[in-house]
Amino acid sequence: MELLLMTQDVIINAGTLPDSDPLAPPGIGEAWNRMVGVGKWIALGVCVLGLLVVGGKMAFDARRGETTEEISSVIKIVLAVSMVTGGASLITFISGA
């Protein structure tokens, strides 16, 4: 019971913590932004290549008269693109740059 009361006190008092702005360590802000930018560029390049591969497979399947089941792959790639761009934006925001 005592542990429950201590947990309740921690949760109630957590709202009174000061809210500070995100701040990158000195000298790492520009390098961090460059790393995030390069990572985003590489990830988006891989996504574009994935779309080309899936599109080519869809074209070959349509040419042979088979039904295409690559729609789920296209949806996964679109979700990956949104995760890459959203994640990079979130990381840049958190780093304070």
N, C-alpha and C. Protein backbone atom coordinates (compact mmCIF):
# COMPACT_ATOMS: atom_id res chain seq x y z
N MET A 1 0.82 -1.20 0.00
CA MET A 1 0.00 0.00 0.00
C MET A 1 0.87 1.27 0.00
N GLU A 2 1.96 1.19 0.73
CA GLU A 2 2.86 2.33 0.82
C GLU A 2 3.48 2.64 -0.55
N LEU A 3 3.80 1.58 -1.29
CA LEU A 3 4.35 1.77 -2.63
C LEU A 3 3.34 2.45 -3.54
N LEU A 4 2.09 2.09 -3.41
CA LEU A 4 1.03 2.71 -4.21
C LEU A 4 0.90 4.19 -3.89
N LEU A 5 0.96 4.55 -2.61
CA LEU A 5 0.87 5.96 -2.21
C LEU A 5 2.08 6.75 -2.71
N MET A 6 3.27 6.13 -2.67
CA MET A 6 4.46 6.81 -3.17
C MET A 6 4.36 7.04 -4.68
N THR A 7 3.85 6.04 -5.40
CA THR A 7 3.67 6.18 -6.84
C THR A 7 2.67 7.28 -7.16
N GLN A 8 1.61 7.36 -6.38
CA GLN A 8 0.60 8.40 -6.59
C GLN A 8 1.22 9.78 -6.36
N ASP A 9 2.04 9.92 -5.33
CA ASP A 9 2.69 11.20 -5.07
C ASP A 9 3.61 11.60 -6.22
N VAL A 10 4.34 10.63 -6.77
CA VAL A 10 5.25 10.92 -7.88
C VAL A 10 4.46 11.37 -9.10
N ILE A 11 3.35 10.69 -9.38
CA ILE A 11 2.54 11.05 -10.54
C ILE A 11 1.91 12.43 -10.36
N ILE A 12 1.42 12.73 -9.21
CA ILE A 12 0.79 14.03 -8.96
C ILE A 12 1.82 15.15 -9.03
N ASN A 13 3.01 14.93 -8.48
CA ASN A 13 4.04 15.96 -8.46
C ASN A 13 4.78 16.07 -9.79
N ALA A 14 4.59 15.13 -10.69
CA ALA A 14 5.28 15.19 -11.97
C ALA A 14 4.82 16.38 -12.80
N GLY A 15 3.61 16.83 -12.60
CA GLY A 15 3.09 17.97 -13.36
C GLY A 15 3.73 19.28 -12.97
N THR A 16 4.43 19.33 -11.84
CA THR A 16 5.03 20.57 -11.38
C THR A 16 6.49 20.71 -11.82
N LEU A 17 7.00 19.76 -12.61
CA LEU A 17 8.38 19.85 -13.07
C LEU A 17 8.51 20.99 -14.08
N PRO A 18 9.63 21.68 -14.06
CA PRO A 18 9.81 22.78 -15.03
C PRO A 18 9.95 22.23 -16.45
N ASP A 19 9.44 22.95 -17.41
CA ASP A 19 9.53 22.57 -18.81
C ASP A 19 10.63 23.39 -19.45
N SER A 20 11.69 22.71 -19.87
CA SER A 20 12.81 23.42 -20.48
C SER A 20 12.82 23.18 -21.98
N ASP A 21 13.41 24.13 -22.70
CA ASP A 21 13.52 24.00 -24.15
C ASP A 21 14.59 22.96 -24.48
N PRO A 22 14.39 22.24 -25.60
CA PRO A 22 15.43 21.29 -26.00
C PRO A 22 16.69 22.04 -26.43
N LEU A 23 17.82 21.53 -26.02
CA LEU A 23 19.08 22.20 -26.29
C LEU A 23 20.12 21.16 -26.67
N ALA A 24 20.69 21.31 -27.83
CA ALA A 24 21.74 20.39 -28.28
C ALA A 24 23.02 20.70 -27.52
N PRO A 25 23.85 19.68 -27.27
CA PRO A 25 25.13 19.93 -26.62
C PRO A 25 25.99 20.87 -27.48
N PRO A 26 26.84 21.66 -26.85
CA PRO A 26 27.65 22.62 -27.61
C PRO A 26 28.51 21.93 -28.66
N GLY A 27 28.49 22.48 -29.87
CA GLY A 27 29.33 21.99 -30.94
C GLY A 27 28.78 20.79 -31.70
N ILE A 28 27.65 20.26 -31.30
CA ILE A 28 27.14 19.07 -31.97
C ILE A 28 25.89 19.37 -32.80
N GLY A 29 25.30 20.53 -32.65
CA GLY A 29 24.05 20.86 -33.33
C GLY A 29 24.13 20.77 -34.84
N GLU A 30 25.14 21.38 -35.45
CA GLU A 30 25.27 21.37 -36.91
C GLU A 30 25.61 19.97 -37.41
N ALA A 31 26.50 19.27 -36.71
CA ALA A 31 26.86 17.91 -37.12
C ALA A 31 25.65 16.99 -37.00
N TRP A 32 24.85 17.17 -35.95
CA TRP A 32 23.66 16.35 -35.76
C TRP A 32 22.67 16.58 -36.90
N ASN A 33 22.44 17.82 -37.27
CA ASN A 33 21.52 18.11 -38.37
C ASN A 33 22.02 17.52 -39.68
N ARG A 34 23.32 17.55 -39.89
CA ARG A 34 23.90 16.97 -41.10
C ARG A 34 23.69 15.45 -41.12
N MET A 35 23.89 14.78 -39.97
CA MET A 35 23.70 13.33 -39.89
C MET A 35 22.24 12.97 -40.13
N VAL A 36 21.32 13.72 -39.54
CA VAL A 36 19.90 13.46 -39.74
C VAL A 36 19.52 13.68 -41.20
N GLY A 37 20.05 14.73 -41.81
CA GLY A 37 19.76 15.01 -43.21
C GLY A 37 20.28 13.92 -44.14
N VAL A 38 21.50 13.45 -43.90
CA VAL A 38 22.07 12.39 -44.73
C VAL A 38 21.29 11.09 -44.53
N GLY A 39 20.94 10.78 -43.29
CA GLY A 39 20.15 9.58 -43.03
C GLY A 39 18.79 9.64 -43.70
N LYS A 40 18.16 10.80 -43.65
CA LYS A 40 16.85 10.98 -44.30
C LYS A 40 16.99 10.83 -45.81
N TRP A 41 18.03 11.37 -46.38
CA TRP A 41 18.24 11.29 -47.82
C TRP A 41 18.44 9.84 -48.25
N ILE A 42 19.24 9.09 -47.50
CA ILE A 42 19.48 7.68 -47.82
C ILE A 42 18.19 6.87 -47.68
N ALA A 43 17.46 7.08 -46.58
CA ALA A 43 16.22 6.33 -46.36
C ALA A 43 15.19 6.62 -47.44
N LEU A 44 15.05 7.88 -47.84
CA LEU A 44 14.10 8.21 -48.90
C LEU A 44 14.54 7.63 -50.24
N GLY A 45 15.84 7.57 -50.49
CA GLY A 45 16.35 6.93 -51.70
C GLY A 45 16.01 5.45 -51.74
N VAL A 46 16.14 4.78 -50.60
CA VAL A 46 15.78 3.37 -50.52
C VAL A 46 14.28 3.19 -50.75
N CYS A 47 13.47 4.11 -50.24
CA CYS A 47 12.02 4.03 -50.45
C CYS A 47 11.67 4.20 -51.92
N VAL A 48 12.35 5.11 -52.60
CA VAL A 48 12.09 5.31 -54.03
C VAL A 48 12.48 4.06 -54.81
N LEU A 49 13.62 3.47 -54.48
CA LEU A 49 14.02 2.23 -55.14
C LEU A 49 12.99 1.12 -54.88
N GLY A 50 12.47 1.07 -53.67
CA GLY A 50 11.44 0.08 -53.36
C GLY A 50 10.20 0.27 -54.20
N LEU A 51 9.79 1.53 -54.37
CA LEU A 51 8.63 1.80 -55.22
C LEU A 51 8.88 1.39 -56.65
N LEU A 52 10.09 1.62 -57.16
CA LEU A 52 10.42 1.21 -58.52
C LEU A 52 10.37 -0.30 -58.67
N VAL A 53 10.90 -1.03 -57.70
CA VAL A 53 10.89 -2.49 -57.76
C VAL A 53 9.46 -3.02 -57.71
N VAL A 54 8.66 -2.51 -56.80
CA VAL A 54 7.27 -2.96 -56.69
C VAL A 54 6.49 -2.59 -57.95
N GLY A 55 6.71 -1.40 -58.48
CA GLY A 55 6.04 -1.00 -59.72
C GLY A 55 6.43 -1.88 -60.89
N GLY A 56 7.71 -2.23 -60.97
CA GLY A 56 8.15 -3.14 -62.03
C GLY A 56 7.53 -4.52 -61.91
N LYS A 57 7.45 -5.01 -60.68
CA LYS A 57 6.81 -6.32 -60.46
C LYS A 57 5.34 -6.28 -60.83
N MET A 58 4.68 -5.17 -60.49
CA MET A 58 3.27 -5.03 -60.87
C MET A 58 3.11 -5.01 -62.38
N ALA A 59 4.03 -4.36 -63.09
CA ALA A 59 3.95 -4.30 -64.55
C ALA A 59 4.15 -5.68 -65.16
N PHE A 60 5.13 -6.45 -64.66
CA PHE A 60 5.34 -7.79 -65.17
C PHE A 60 4.14 -8.70 -64.90
N ASP A 61 3.57 -8.58 -63.70
CA ASP A 61 2.40 -9.40 -63.38
C ASP A 61 1.21 -9.04 -64.27
N ALA A 62 1.02 -7.75 -64.54
CA ALA A 62 -0.09 -7.33 -65.40
C ALA A 62 0.14 -7.81 -66.83
N ARG A 63 1.37 -7.81 -67.26
CA ARG A 63 1.69 -8.26 -68.63
C ARG A 63 1.40 -9.75 -68.79
N ARG A 64 1.63 -10.53 -67.74
CA ARG A 64 1.35 -11.96 -67.79
C ARG A 64 -0.10 -12.28 -67.50
N GLY A 65 -0.88 -11.28 -67.13
CA GLY A 65 -2.29 -11.48 -66.86
C GLY A 65 -2.59 -11.99 -65.45
N GLU A 66 -1.61 -11.88 -64.57
CA GLU A 66 -1.81 -12.32 -63.18
C GLU A 66 -2.34 -11.16 -62.35
N THR A 67 -3.00 -11.51 -61.28
CA THR A 67 -3.48 -10.47 -60.37
C THR A 67 -2.31 -9.97 -59.55
N THR A 68 -2.35 -8.72 -59.23
CA THR A 68 -1.25 -8.14 -58.46
C THR A 68 -1.61 -8.16 -56.98
N GLU A 69 -0.63 -8.54 -56.21
CA GLU A 69 -0.79 -8.54 -54.76
C GLU A 69 0.22 -7.58 -54.11
N GLU A 70 0.73 -6.65 -54.91
CA GLU A 70 1.75 -5.74 -54.41
C GLU A 70 1.18 -4.47 -53.79
N ILE A 71 -0.13 -4.35 -53.73
CA ILE A 71 -0.74 -3.15 -53.15
C ILE A 71 -0.32 -3.01 -51.68
N SER A 72 -0.24 -4.13 -50.97
CA SER A 72 0.20 -4.05 -49.57
C SER A 72 1.65 -3.55 -49.49
N SER A 73 2.47 -3.93 -50.47
CA SER A 73 3.85 -3.45 -50.48
C SER A 73 3.90 -1.94 -50.71
N VAL A 74 3.06 -1.45 -51.60
CA VAL A 74 3.01 -0.01 -51.86
C VAL A 74 2.58 0.73 -50.60
N ILE A 75 1.59 0.19 -49.90
CA ILE A 75 1.11 0.83 -48.66
C ILE A 75 2.23 0.84 -47.63
N LYS A 76 2.98 -0.26 -47.52
CA LYS A 76 4.10 -0.31 -46.57
C LYS A 76 5.16 0.72 -46.91
N ILE A 77 5.44 0.90 -48.19
CA ILE A 77 6.45 1.87 -48.60
C ILE A 77 5.98 3.29 -48.31
N VAL A 78 4.71 3.58 -48.56
CA VAL A 78 4.17 4.91 -48.26
C VAL A 78 4.24 5.17 -46.75
N LEU A 79 3.93 4.17 -45.95
CA LEU A 79 4.05 4.33 -44.50
C LEU A 79 5.51 4.54 -44.09
N ALA A 80 6.43 3.85 -44.76
CA ALA A 80 7.85 4.03 -44.46
C ALA A 80 8.31 5.44 -44.78
N VAL A 81 7.84 5.98 -45.91
CA VAL A 81 8.20 7.36 -46.27
C VAL A 81 7.68 8.34 -45.22
N SER A 82 6.45 8.14 -44.77
CA SER A 82 5.90 9.05 -43.77
C SER A 82 6.63 8.91 -42.44
N MET A 83 7.08 7.70 -42.10
CA MET A 83 7.84 7.53 -40.87
C MET A 83 9.22 8.18 -40.96
N VAL A 84 9.84 8.08 -42.12
CA VAL A 84 11.17 8.69 -42.30
C VAL A 84 11.08 10.20 -42.19
N THR A 85 10.15 10.80 -42.91
CA THR A 85 10.05 12.26 -42.88
C THR A 85 9.56 12.76 -41.53
N GLY A 86 8.60 12.07 -40.94
CA GLY A 86 8.11 12.47 -39.62
C GLY A 86 9.16 12.28 -38.55
N GLY A 87 9.89 11.17 -38.62
CA GLY A 87 10.93 10.91 -37.63
C GLY A 87 12.07 11.91 -37.72
N ALA A 88 12.47 12.23 -38.92
CA ALA A 88 13.55 13.21 -39.09
C ALA A 88 13.12 14.58 -38.58
N SER A 89 11.88 14.95 -38.85
CA SER A 89 11.38 16.24 -38.34
C SER A 89 11.31 16.24 -36.82
N LEU A 90 10.88 15.12 -36.26
CA LEU A 90 10.79 15.04 -34.80
C LEU A 90 12.17 15.09 -34.15
N ILE A 91 13.13 14.40 -34.72
CA ILE A 91 14.49 14.43 -34.18
C ILE A 91 15.09 15.82 -34.26
N THR A 92 14.86 16.50 -35.38
CA THR A 92 15.37 17.86 -35.54
C THR A 92 14.72 18.80 -34.52
N PHE A 93 13.44 18.62 -34.27
CA PHE A 93 12.74 19.46 -33.29
C PHE A 93 13.27 19.20 -31.89
N ILE A 94 13.46 17.92 -31.54
CA ILE A 94 13.94 17.59 -30.20
C ILE A 94 15.35 18.10 -29.97
N SER A 95 16.18 18.04 -30.99
CA SER A 95 17.57 18.49 -30.82
C SER A 95 17.66 20.01 -30.67
N GLY A 96 16.57 20.71 -31.00
CA GLY A 96 16.56 22.16 -30.81
C GLY A 96 17.24 22.94 -31.89
N ALA A 97 17.54 22.31 -32.99
CA ALA A 97 18.22 23.01 -34.07
C ALA A 97 17.24 23.67 -35.00
